[in-house]
Amino acid sequence: MRDGESSAEWCTHFARTVADEIRTGVQCGALTFGEADQLLARMRVLLEQALDLAPQPI
């Protein structure tokens, strides 16, 4: 994260960046709609697993 950036702001920026990259991939023909959906589903699982491993605040 950048200085002064909250985790919510970072998450929003990250989600927008991923969405933009996937949208660009579909628009230029590098990804089909089905591949984009599958990529998003796999990323969701990966992020959920990463969040489960994150240290919990005391």
PDB file of N, CA and C in Angstrom:
ATOM      1  N   MET A   1       0.830  -1.176   0.000  1.00  0.00           N
ATOM      2  CA  MET A   1       0.000   0.000   0.000  1.00  0.00           C
ATOM      3  C   MET A   1       0.878   1.245   0.000  1.00  0.00           C
ATOM      4  N   ARG A   2       0.330   2.285  -0.550  1.00  0.00           N
ATOM      5  CA  ARG A   2       1.039   3.562  -0.545  1.00  0.00           C
ATOM      6  C   ARG A   2       0.825   4.263   0.792  1.00  0.00           C
ATOM      7  N   ASP A   3       1.727   5.179   1.117  1.00  0.00           N
ATOM      8  CA  ASP A   3       1.579   5.943   2.355  1.00  0.00           C
ATOM      9  C   ASP A   3       0.236   6.665   2.369  1.00  0.00           C
ATOM     10  N   GLY A   4      -0.449   6.596   3.478  1.00  0.00           N
ATOM     11  CA  GLY A   4      -1.712   7.302   3.636  1.00  0.00           C
ATOM     12  C   GLY A   4      -2.896   6.626   2.968  1.00  0.00           C
ATOM     13  N   GLU A   5      -2.686   5.458   2.400  1.00  0.00           N
ATOM     14  CA  GLU A   5      -3.769   4.756   1.708  1.00  0.00           C
ATOM     15  C   GLU A   5      -4.342   3.692   2.637  1.00  0.00           C
ATOM     16  N   SER A   6      -5.647   3.702   2.804  1.00  0.00           N
ATOM     17  CA  SER A   6      -6.280   2.703   3.657  1.00  0.00           C
ATOM     18  C   SER A   6      -6.366   1.375   2.921  1.00  0.00           C
ATOM     19  N   SER A   7      -6.590   0.312   3.660  1.00  0.00           N
ATOM     20  CA  SER A   7      -6.704  -1.001   3.020  1.00  0.00           C
ATOM     21  C   SER A   7      -7.926  -1.051   2.108  1.00  0.00           C
ATOM     22  N   ALA A   8      -8.990  -0.341   2.447  1.00  0.00           N
ATOM     23  CA  ALA A   8     -10.181  -0.309   1.597  1.00  0.00           C
ATOM     24  C   ALA A   8      -9.872   0.386   0.273  1.00  0.00           C
ATOM     25  N   GLU A   9      -9.106   1.468   0.326  1.00  0.00           N
ATOM     26  CA  GLU A   9      -8.717   2.165  -0.898  1.00  0.00           C
ATOM     27  C   GLU A   9      -7.817   1.289  -1.760  1.00  0.00           C
ATOM     28  N   TRP A  10      -6.880   0.585  -1.116  1.00  0.00           N
ATOM     29  CA  TRP A  10      -5.987  -0.295  -1.854  1.00  0.00           C
ATOM     30  C   TRP A  10      -6.785  -1.411  -2.519  1.00  0.00           C
ATOM     31  N   CYS A  11      -7.725  -2.001  -1.797  1.00  0.00           N
ATOM     32  CA  CYS A  11      -8.546  -3.087  -2.343  1.00  0.00           C
ATOM     33  C   CYS A  11      -9.379  -2.603  -3.524  1.00  0.00           C
ATOM     34  N   THR A  12      -9.936  -1.416  -3.410  1.00  0.00           N
ATOM     35  CA  THR A  12     -10.724  -0.856  -4.502  1.00  0.00           C
ATOM     36  C   THR A  12      -9.851  -0.638  -5.734  1.00  0.00           C
ATOM     37  N   HIS A  13      -8.670  -0.079  -5.533  1.00  0.00           N
ATOM     38  CA  HIS A  13      -7.746   0.149  -6.651  1.00  0.00           C
ATOM     39  C   HIS A  13      -7.335  -1.181  -7.287  1.00  0.00           C
ATOM     40  N   PHE A  14      -7.039  -2.169  -6.472  1.00  0.00           N
ATOM     41  CA  PHE A  14      -6.640  -3.479  -6.968  1.00  0.00           C
ATOM     42  C   PHE A  14      -7.763  -4.110  -7.797  1.00  0.00           C
ATOM     43  N   ALA A  15      -8.987  -4.074  -7.284  1.00  0.00           N
ATOM     44  CA  ALA A  15     -10.128  -4.661  -7.994  1.00  0.00           C
ATOM     45  C   ALA A  15     -10.364  -3.969  -9.331  1.00  0.00           C
ATOM     46  N   ARG A  16     -10.257  -2.650  -9.347  1.00  0.00           N
ATOM     47  CA  ARG A  16     -10.438  -1.911 -10.596  1.00  0.00           C
ATOM     48  C   ARG A  16      -9.352  -2.242 -11.608  1.00  0.00           C
ATOM     49  N   THR A  17      -8.121  -2.374 -11.132  1.00  0.00           N
ATOM     50  CA  THR A  17      -7.005  -2.704 -12.014  1.00  0.00           C
ATOM     51  C   THR A  17      -7.203  -4.082 -12.635  1.00  0.00           C
ATOM     52  N   VAL A  18      -7.566  -5.060 -11.811  1.00  0.00           N
ATOM     53  CA  VAL A  18      -7.802  -6.411 -12.319  1.00  0.00           C
ATOM     54  C   VAL A  18      -8.946  -6.407 -13.330  1.00  0.00           C
ATOM     55  N   ALA A  19     -10.041  -5.734 -13.009  1.00  0.00           N
ATOM     56  CA  ALA A  19     -11.184  -5.667 -13.924  1.00  0.00           C
ATOM     57  C   ALA A  19     -10.798  -5.017 -15.247  1.00  0.00           C
ATOM     58  N   ASP A  20     -10.035  -3.942 -15.184  1.00  0.00           N
ATOM     59  CA  ASP A  20      -9.598  -3.257 -16.410  1.00  0.00           C
ATOM     60  C   ASP A  20      -8.709  -4.155 -17.265  1.00  0.00           C
ATOM     61  N   GLU A  21      -7.794  -4.872 -16.628  1.00  0.00           N
ATOM     62  CA  GLU A  21      -6.892  -5.753 -17.371  1.00  0.00           C
ATOM     63  C   GLU A  21      -7.652  -6.899 -18.031  1.00  0.00           C
ATOM     64  N   ILE A  22      -8.597  -7.471 -17.324  1.00  0.00           N
ATOM     65  CA  ILE A  22      -9.385  -8.567 -17.889  1.00  0.00           C
ATOM     66  C   ILE A  22     -10.270  -8.049 -19.015  1.00  0.00           C
ATOM     67  N   ARG A  23     -10.882  -6.894 -18.815  1.00  0.00           N
ATOM     68  CA  ARG A  23     -11.721  -6.292 -19.864  1.00  0.00           C
ATOM     69  C   ARG A  23     -10.885  -6.024 -21.118  1.00  0.00           C
ATOM     70  N   THR A  24      -9.687  -5.510 -20.938  1.00  0.00           N
ATOM     71  CA  THR A  24      -8.798  -5.262 -22.072  1.00  0.00           C
ATOM     72  C   THR A  24      -8.435  -6.572 -22.771  1.00  0.00           C
ATOM     73  N   GLY A  25      -8.191  -7.610 -22.000  1.00  0.00           N
ATOM     74  CA  GLY A  25      -7.880  -8.913 -22.576  1.00  0.00           C
ATOM     75  C   GLY A  25      -9.008  -9.449 -23.433  1.00  0.00           C
ATOM     76  N   VAL A  26     -10.236  -9.251 -22.989  1.00  0.00           N
ATOM     77  CA  VAL A  26     -11.401  -9.695 -23.762  1.00  0.00           C
ATOM     78  C   VAL A  26     -11.554  -8.835 -25.014  1.00  0.00           C
ATOM     79  N   GLN A  27     -11.406  -7.524 -24.859  1.00  0.00           N
ATOM     80  CA  GLN A  27     -11.587  -6.620 -25.991  1.00  0.00           C
ATOM     81  C   GLN A  27     -10.569  -6.852 -27.100  1.00  0.00           C
ATOM     82  N   CYS A  28      -9.344  -7.197 -26.738  1.00  0.00           N
ATOM     83  CA  CYS A  28      -8.312  -7.402 -27.767  1.00  0.00           C
ATOM     84  C   CYS A  28      -8.267  -8.847 -28.257  1.00  0.00           C
ATOM     85  N   GLY A  29      -9.097  -9.684 -27.711  1.00  0.00           N
ATOM     86  CA  GLY A  29      -9.178 -11.056 -28.174  1.00  0.00           C
ATOM     87  C   GLY A  29      -8.217 -12.027 -27.507  1.00  0.00           C
ATOM     88  N   ALA A  30      -7.482 -11.570 -26.511  1.00  0.00           N
ATOM     89  CA  ALA A  30      -6.557 -12.449 -25.800  1.00  0.00           C
ATOM     90  C   ALA A  30      -7.300 -13.429 -24.902  1.00  0.00           C
ATOM     91  N   LEU A  31      -8.501 -13.040 -24.457  1.00  0.00           N
ATOM     92  CA  LEU A  31      -9.346 -13.879 -23.608  1.00  0.00           C
ATOM     93  C   LEU A  31     -10.749 -13.933 -24.188  1.00  0.00           C
ATOM     94  N   THR A  32     -11.388 -15.079 -24.042  1.00  0.00           N
ATOM     95  CA  THR A  32     -12.812 -15.161 -24.373  1.00  0.00           C
ATOM     96  C   THR A  32     -13.594 -14.771 -23.115  1.00  0.00           C
ATOM     97  N   PHE A  33     -14.898 -14.559 -23.269  1.00  0.00           N
ATOM     98  CA  PHE A  33     -15.715 -14.259 -22.094  1.00  0.00           C
ATOM     99  C   PHE A  33     -15.664 -15.407 -21.089  1.00  0.00           C
ATOM    100  N   GLY A  34     -15.684 -16.635 -21.596  1.00  0.00           N
ATOM    101  CA  GLY A  34     -15.616 -17.806 -20.723  1.00  0.00           C
ATOM    102  C   GLY A  34     -14.304 -17.870 -19.963  1.00  0.00           C
ATOM    103  N   GLU A  35     -13.209 -17.593 -20.646  1.00  0.00           N
ATOM    104  CA  GLU A  35     -11.903 -17.583 -19.985  1.00  0.00           C
ATOM    105  C   GLU A  35     -11.825 -16.480 -18.934  1.00  0.00           C
ATOM    106  N   ALA A  36     -12.399 -15.333 -19.247  1.00  0.00           N
ATOM    107  CA  ALA A  36     -12.403 -14.226 -18.289  1.00  0.00           C
ATOM    108  C   ALA A  36     -13.197 -14.605 -17.044  1.00  0.00           C
ATOM    109  N   ASP A  37     -14.351 -15.241 -17.229  1.00  0.00           N
ATOM    110  CA  ASP A  37     -15.153 -15.681 -16.086  1.00  0.00           C
ATOM    111  C   ASP A  37     -14.390 -16.698 -15.240  1.00  0.00           C
ATOM    112  N   GLN A  38     -13.732 -17.629 -15.908  1.00  0.00           N
ATOM    113  CA  GLN A  38     -12.972 -18.649 -15.191  1.00  0.00           C
ATOM    114  C   GLN A  38     -11.793 -18.014 -14.444  1.00  0.00           C
ATOM    115  N   LEU A  39     -11.125 -17.072 -15.070  1.00  0.00           N
ATOM    116  CA  LEU A  39     -10.016 -16.376 -14.422  1.00  0.00           C
ATOM    117  C   LEU A  39     -10.493 -15.638 -13.176  1.00  0.00           C
ATOM    118  N   LEU A  40     -11.615 -14.949 -13.281  1.00  0.00           N
ATOM    119  CA  LEU A  40     -12.156 -14.233 -12.119  1.00  0.00           C
ATOM    120  C   LEU A  40     -12.539 -15.194 -10.999  1.00  0.00           C
ATOM    121  N   ALA A  41     -13.135 -16.322 -11.348  1.00  0.00           N
ATOM    122  CA  ALA A  41     -13.511 -17.306 -10.333  1.00  0.00           C
ATOM    123  C   ALA A  41     -12.275 -17.852  -9.620  1.00  0.00           C
ATOM    124  N   ARG A  42     -11.234 -18.131 -10.379  1.00  0.00           N
ATOM    125  CA  ARG A  42     -10.001 -18.648  -9.765  1.00  0.00           C
ATOM    126  C   ARG A  42      -9.322 -17.594  -8.903  1.00  0.00           C
ATOM    127  N   MET A  43      -9.350 -16.354  -9.354  1.00  0.00           N
ATOM    128  CA  MET A  43      -8.755 -15.271  -8.558  1.00  0.00           C
ATOM    129  C   MET A  43      -9.517 -15.082  -7.257  1.00  0.00           C
ATOM    130  N   ARG A  44     -10.837 -15.223  -7.318  1.00  0.00           N
ATOM    131  CA  ARG A  44     -11.659 -15.078  -6.118  1.00  0.00           C
ATOM    132  C   ARG A  44     -11.259 -16.124  -5.075  1.00  0.00           C
ATOM    133  N   VAL A  45     -11.090 -17.375  -5.514  1.00  0.00           N
ATOM    134  CA  VAL A  45     -10.671 -18.441  -4.607  1.00  0.00           C
ATOM    135  C   VAL A  45      -9.291 -18.136  -4.028  1.00  0.00           C
ATOM    136  N   LEU A  46      -8.373 -17.721  -4.889  1.00  0.00           N
ATOM    137  CA  LEU A  46      -7.019 -17.397  -4.446  1.00  0.00           C
ATOM    138  C   LEU A  46      -7.019 -16.281  -3.399  1.00  0.00           C
ATOM    139  N   LEU A  47      -7.779 -15.236  -3.652  1.00  0.00           N
ATOM    140  CA  LEU A  47      -7.841 -14.116  -2.708  1.00  0.00           C
ATOM    141  C   LEU A  47      -8.504 -14.525  -1.396  1.00  0.00           C
ATOM    142  N   GLU A  48      -9.550 -15.342  -1.470  1.00  0.00           N
ATOM    143  CA  GLU A  48     -10.191 -15.810  -0.239  1.00  0.00           C
ATOM    144  C   GLU A  48      -9.225 -16.633   0.594  1.00  0.00           C
ATOM    145  N   GLN A  49      -8.433 -17.479  -0.060  1.00  0.00           N
ATOM    146  CA  GLN A  49      -7.430 -18.268   0.654  1.00  0.00           C
ATOM    147  C   GLN A  49      -6.371 -17.362   1.271  1.00  0.00           C
ATOM    148  N   ALA A  50      -5.946 -16.356   0.546  1.00  0.00           N
ATOM    149  CA  ALA A  50      -4.931 -15.430   1.066  1.00  0.00           C
ATOM    150  C   ALA A  50      -5.464 -14.673   2.271  1.00  0.00           C
ATOM    151  N   LEU A  51      -6.721 -14.272   2.217  1.00  0.00           N
ATOM    152  CA  LEU A  51      -7.307 -13.555   3.343  1.00  0.00           C
ATOM    153  C   LEU A  51      -7.450 -14.448   4.560  1.00  0.00           C
ATOM    154  N   ASP A  52      -7.736 -15.723   4.341  1.00  0.00           N
ATOM    155  CA  ASP A  52      -7.839 -16.672   5.463  1.00  0.00           C
ATOM    156  C   ASP A  52      -6.489 -16.853   6.152  1.00  0.00           C
ATOM    157  N   LEU A  53      -5.397 -16.700   5.406  1.00  0.00           N
ATOM    158  CA  LEU A  53      -4.059 -16.865   5.963  1.00  0.00           C
ATOM    159  C   LEU A  53      -3.531 -15.603   6.602  1.00  0.00           C
ATOM    160  N   ALA A  54      -4.192 -14.484   6.359  1.00  0.00           N
ATOM    161  CA  ALA A  54      -3.717 -13.198   6.911  1.00  0.00           C
ATOM    162  C   ALA A  54      -3.798 -13.223   8.427  1.00  0.00           C
ATOM    163  N   PRO A  55      -2.819 -12.636   9.076  1.00  0.00           N
ATOM    164  CA  PRO A  55      -2.844 -12.606  10.549  1.00  0.00           C
ATOM    165  C   PRO A  55      -4.067 -11.838  11.051  1.00  0.00           C
ATOM    166  N   GLN A  56      -4.680 -12.375  12.050  1.00  0.00           N
ATOM    167  CA  GLN A  56      -5.869 -11.742  12.640  1.00  0.00           C
ATOM    168  C   GLN A  56      -5.434 -10.716  13.682  1.00  0.00           C
ATOM    169  N   PRO A  57      -6.107  -9.564  13.719  1.00  0.00           N
ATOM    170  CA  PRO A  57      -5.760  -8.556  14.730  1.00  0.00           C
ATOM    171  C   PRO A  57      -6.090  -9.068  16.130  1.00  0.00           C
ATOM    172  N   ILE A  58      -5.273  -8.640  17.058  1.00  0.00           N
ATOM    173  CA  ILE A  58      -5.461  -9.077  18.457  1.00  0.00           C
ATOM    174  C   ILE A  58      -6.330  -8.096  19.190  1.00  0.00           C
TER     175      ILE A  58
END
